[in-house]
Amino acid sequence: YAPEGSGGTWAALVVAVSVGISLAVGAGCGLLNGLLVTRVGIPPILATLGTMMLFSGLAIVLTRGTALYGFPDAFLILGNGYLFSVPVPLVLFAAAVLLVGVLLRRTSFGFSLYLVGTNPTAARFAGLDNAAILVKTYMLSGVLCASAGLVMFARTNSAKADYGVSYTLQAILVAVLGGTNVAGGFGSMAGLVLAILSLQF
């Protein structure tokens, strides 16, 4: 319940805290995936599929299998608002593309990530901490997934545990269509954007 006289400030604060918690949960899920792959030694495809089922099960338990709806208007801006006549989801997408593109092409982390994907043995002999790089990558992926989830249920004003299941194969298709090597070491944001636009059109 909002304190008397707080108006939109309280709603904005609640939304900001909720978004922050959601992104932190996404990073935590990515951290778990990264640790399962790097420390436990589970193959990535098995680790991520297994945790997907785990996270889906937890979501069903927390929501009791029903759809949640009726979010505050301050939150729905993420999915339906406009910024200078440009839809907010498009702005967020462009920002994510720009940030990840710069991270991959203009930072030492991005260079290290490509090297680990191309030849993990060479990366290790070059002095890179392969495990730390992979864990950070899974955490970044978790944050991006959480961001996509926020936009998706802000756009529909509802959330259900299985809403994102239908996008799993589409995400893989976009990656492959965009020229990403499933074995690692090659891929670009430009290719992914072209693949997304192709499917969208």
Foldseek 3Di string as FASTA:
>chain_A
DDPPPCPVVVLLVVLVVVLVVLLVVLLVLLLQLLCCCQPVPDPSVVSVVVVLVVQLVVQCVVVVQDKDFDRDPSLLQCAANDDVNHRNVVVVVVVVLVVVQCVLPPDPLNVLQLVCLVPVVVSVVVPDDSSVSSSVVSSVVSSVVSSVQSNVCSNVRMDGSCPCVVCPVVVVVLQVQLPADPSGNDGHSVSSVVSVVVVVD
